[in-house]
Amino acid sequence: EEVPREEIDHPRSLRRWEPPGEWDLAVVVSFRYFIPDRVIRKFRKGVVNLHPSLLPKYRGSSPIQATLRNADVVGGASIIKISEGELMDCGDVLLQREIPIGLQEPYEVYYKRVSTLGGEMLYDVLDRFEAYWDNAAPQPRKTSKESDPTFAGLITRADCQIDLNTPATSIYHHWRSLTASGGAWLYFNKPSGGVALRATLMSLTLAPT
């Protein structure tokens, strides 16, 4: 049976959106906006979210970028419940798995690997949904984003600026966390003291030590 499909013009419109009909389960992937309780209640068995980090670390909309920028050597994904009245990315954990990360692995490579991992996890959860749902474990830390030291918020243009006064390894990991968009940029001054120029940093290599 073909499942009806409905396009939402803009994610913020979810505040006014109503699911067409009644459904058993919702699966949320890479959706950075808060889901209202009235929408959650439309799904009889619940709502689950695939988040590409080892929660509670890196809640928020940019967990992959944060993982790479901080030079983590272990990453992974979590599948959690989305419950009424719950803080974002704070739901009980149905399943969590780790994968190693190479220190010179750029965003687009890690993104594909963690996405594949997440797809495999979703298959397992949906195949034995009741068992995973009933045995979900609460996250050890539930705080607002303002008090969460590892919260990975929405990346702004200013967040993409490379600071040449930081150590070389920090510059490299900042750059590789943004390679998919080519978003890393920096300012440098002309030797003559003229107007500062802005350049996009397209390629960078970490030299062996």
Protein backbone atom coordinates (compact mmCIF):
# COMPACT_ATOMS: atom_id res chain seq x y z
CA GLU A 1 0.00 0.00 0.00
CA GLU A 2 1.37 3.38 -0.99
CA VAL A 3 1.79 5.80 1.88
CA PRO A 4 0.47 9.34 1.22
CA ARG A 5 3.18 11.98 1.01
CA GLU A 6 2.82 15.60 1.94
CA GLU A 7 5.46 18.28 1.40
CA ILE A 8 5.89 20.99 4.03
CA ASP A 9 6.97 24.27 2.47
CA HIS A 10 9.09 25.32 5.44
CA PRO A 11 9.92 23.44 8.65
CA ARG A 12 8.69 26.29 10.84
CA SER A 13 5.23 25.73 9.38
CA LEU A 14 5.05 22.57 11.52
CA ARG A 15 3.56 24.84 14.18
CA ARG A 16 0.42 24.94 12.07
CA TRP A 17 0.75 21.57 10.33
CA GLU A 18 -1.47 18.62 11.15
CA PRO A 19 -0.56 15.05 10.13
CA PRO A 20 -3.06 13.78 7.52
CA GLY A 21 -4.98 11.11 9.42
CA GLU A 22 -3.90 8.77 12.20
CA TRP A 23 -0.59 6.88 12.14
CA ASP A 24 1.18 4.24 14.21
CA LEU A 25 4.68 5.67 14.34
CA ALA A 26 6.75 8.67 13.24
CA VAL A 27 10.47 8.52 12.44
CA VAL A 28 12.34 11.82 12.58
CA VAL A 29 15.75 12.25 10.93
CA SER A 30 17.76 15.48 10.59
CA PHE A 31 14.88 17.72 11.64
CA ARG A 32 16.15 20.59 13.73
CA TYR A 33 12.83 22.12 14.79
CA PHE A 34 10.75 21.37 17.87
CA ILE A 35 7.78 19.04 17.30
CA PRO A 36 4.61 20.20 19.08
CA ASP A 37 2.87 17.88 21.53
CA ARG A 38 -0.32 17.93 19.44
CA VAL A 39 1.65 16.39 16.54
CA ILE A 40 3.27 13.77 18.78
CA ARG A 41 -0.18 12.68 19.98
CA LYS A 42 -1.19 11.83 16.41
CA PHE A 43 1.11 8.78 16.40
CA ARG A 44 -0.36 5.88 18.32
CA LYS A 45 2.89 4.04 19.12
CA GLY A 46 5.06 7.12 19.45
CA VAL A 47 7.77 9.16 17.73
CA VAL A 48 11.45 8.22 17.43
CA ASN A 49 14.37 10.38 16.39
CA LEU A 50 17.68 9.36 14.82
CA HIS A 51 20.40 11.72 16.09
CA PRO A 52 24.00 11.46 14.78
CA SER A 53 25.84 11.67 18.09
CA LEU A 54 26.29 9.69 21.26
CA LEU A 55 23.66 11.47 23.31
CA PRO A 56 23.66 13.28 25.68
CA LYS A 57 26.77 14.64 23.94
CA TYR A 58 26.11 17.13 21.12
CA ARG A 59 22.41 17.74 21.38
CA GLY A 60 21.22 20.28 18.84
CA SER A 61 21.29 20.89 15.10
CA SER A 62 25.01 20.43 14.28
CA PRO A 63 26.24 17.27 16.06
CA ILE A 64 28.41 16.02 13.19
CA GLN A 65 30.23 19.34 12.85
CA ALA A 66 30.81 19.46 16.62
CA THR A 67 32.14 15.90 16.66
CA LEU A 68 34.75 16.68 14.00
CA ARG A 69 35.65 20.16 15.24
CA ASN A 70 36.42 18.73 18.68
CA ALA A 71 38.60 16.00 17.11
CA ASP A 72 36.64 13.15 18.67
CA VAL A 73 38.04 9.75 17.69
CA VAL A 74 34.78 7.95 18.54
CA GLY A 75 31.40 9.04 17.21
CA GLY A 76 28.11 7.33 16.59
CA ALA A 77 24.36 7.66 16.56
CA SER A 78 21.42 7.42 18.93
CA ILE A 79 17.76 6.58 18.44
CA ILE A 80 15.60 8.23 21.07
CA LYS A 81 11.96 8.75 21.97
CA ILE A 82 10.34 12.12 21.32
CA SER A 83 7.86 12.57 24.14
CA GLU A 84 5.39 15.26 25.09
CA GLY A 85 6.89 18.04 27.19
CA GLU A 86 10.46 16.76 26.66
CA LEU A 87 13.45 19.01 26.00
CA MET A 88 14.90 18.66 22.50
CA ASP A 89 17.15 15.61 22.05
CA CYS A 90 16.62 14.58 25.68
CA GLY A 91 14.35 11.56 25.14
CA ASP A 92 14.96 8.02 26.41
CA VAL A 93 17.51 6.07 24.33
CA LEU A 94 16.25 3.03 22.43
CA LEU A 95 19.57 2.22 20.77
CA GLN A 96 23.05 3.70 20.58
CA ARG A 97 26.10 2.55 18.62
CA GLU A 98 29.66 3.81 18.25
CA ILE A 99 32.00 4.07 15.26
CA PRO A 100 35.67 5.16 15.13
CA ILE A 101 36.60 8.42 13.40
CA GLY A 102 39.87 9.08 11.59
CA LEU A 103 41.50 12.35 12.59
CA GLN A 104 41.81 13.37 8.94
CA GLU A 105 38.32 12.24 7.98
CA PRO A 106 36.39 15.16 6.41
CA TYR A 107 32.73 15.94 7.01
CA GLU A 108 31.34 14.34 3.86
CA VAL A 109 33.09 11.01 4.56
CA TYR A 110 32.02 10.79 8.19
CA TYR A 111 28.51 11.98 7.30
CA LYS A 112 28.06 9.04 4.92
CA ARG A 113 29.38 6.54 7.44
CA VAL A 114 27.29 7.75 10.37
CA SER A 115 24.22 7.97 8.10
CA THR A 116 24.71 4.34 7.05
CA LEU A 117 25.07 3.37 10.69
CA GLY A 118 21.87 5.24 11.52
CA GLY A 119 19.96 3.50 8.75
CA GLU A 120 21.05 0.09 10.04
CA MET A 121 20.00 1.08 13.55
CA LEU A 122 16.57 2.22 12.38
CA TYR A 123 16.05 -1.10 10.60
CA ASP A 124 16.85 -2.97 13.82
CA VAL A 125 14.61 -0.76 15.96
CA LEU A 126 11.62 -0.98 13.63
CA ASP A 127 12.06 -4.73 13.27
CA ARG A 128 11.79 -5.21 17.06
CA PHE A 129 10.10 -1.98 17.99
CA GLU A 130 8.18 -3.01 21.11
CA ALA A 131 11.28 -4.54 22.73
CA TYR A 132 13.42 -1.46 22.10
CA TRP A 133 10.64 0.94 23.13
CA ASP A 134 9.87 -0.85 26.39
CA ASN A 135 13.54 -1.06 27.38
CA ALA A 136 14.59 2.49 26.47
CA ALA A 137 16.99 4.04 29.00
CA PRO A 138 16.76 7.62 30.30
CA GLN A 139 19.61 9.90 29.34
CA PRO A 140 21.98 10.67 32.24
CA ARG A 141 21.83 14.43 31.76
CA LYS A 142 18.77 16.48 30.87
CA THR A 143 19.41 20.20 30.75
CA SER A 144 18.38 23.19 28.69
CA LYS A 145 20.63 24.14 25.79
CA GLU A 146 21.83 27.20 27.70
CA SER A 147 23.29 25.03 30.47
CA ASP A 148 24.51 22.13 28.30
CA PRO A 149 28.30 22.45 27.77
CA THR A 150 28.28 20.26 24.64
CA PHE A 151 25.14 21.66 22.99
CA ALA A 152 25.72 21.91 19.21
CA GLY A 153 23.56 24.77 18.01
CA LEU A 154 22.75 26.06 14.57
CA ILE A 155 25.95 27.07 12.73
CA THR A 156 26.13 30.71 11.74
CA ARG A 157 28.39 32.48 9.26
CA ALA A 158 30.46 33.75 12.16
CA ASP A 159 31.00 30.19 13.42
CA CYS A 160 32.70 29.36 10.10
CA GLN A 161 35.45 31.96 10.52
CA ILE A 162 38.91 30.45 11.01
CA ASP A 163 40.99 32.08 13.74
CA LEU A 164 44.62 32.00 12.67
CA ASN A 165 45.71 32.70 16.25
CA THR A 166 44.61 29.23 17.35
CA PRO A 167 46.86 26.12 17.15
CA ALA A 168 47.29 24.51 13.74
CA THR A 169 45.47 21.34 14.77
CA SER A 170 42.46 23.37 15.97
CA ILE A 171 42.37 25.21 12.63
CA TYR A 172 42.49 21.92 10.75
CA HIS A 173 39.66 20.27 12.71
CA HIS A 174 37.55 23.43 12.43
CA TRP A 175 38.04 23.37 8.66
CA ARG A 176 37.30 19.65 8.19
CA SER A 177 34.04 19.99 10.11
CA LEU A 178 32.83 22.36 7.37
CA THR A 179 34.22 20.79 4.19
CA ALA A 180 30.86 19.70 2.78
CA SER A 181 29.74 23.30 2.33
CA GLY A 182 33.16 24.85 1.72
CA GLY A 183 32.07 27.17 4.48
CA ALA A 184 35.32 27.82 6.35
CA TRP A 185 36.68 31.30 5.73
CA LEU A 186 39.22 33.74 7.13
CA TYR A 187 40.38 37.33 7.00
CA PHE A 188 43.92 38.41 6.20
CA ASN A 189 45.45 41.84 5.78
CA LYS A 190 47.41 43.10 2.81
CA PRO A 191 51.11 43.66 3.58
CA SER A 192 50.63 47.32 2.72
CA GLY A 193 48.07 47.65 5.50
CA GLY A 194 45.17 48.02 3.06
CA VAL A 195 41.66 46.67 3.36
CA ALA A 196 41.38 43.18 4.87
CA LEU A 197 40.48 40.42 2.40
CA ARG A 198 38.17 37.49 3.06
CA ALA A 199 39.05 34.11 1.60
CA THR A 200 37.24 30.78 1.59
CA LEU A 201 39.47 27.94 2.78
CA MET A 202 38.91 25.12 0.27
CA SER A 203 41.79 22.75 1.05
CA LEU A 204 43.91 22.03 4.09
CA THR A 205 46.26 19.23 5.11
CA LEU A 206 47.38 18.27 8.59
CA ALA A 207 51.12 17.62 8.48
CA PRO A 208 52.43 14.56 10.36
CA THR A 209 54.14 15.24 13.69
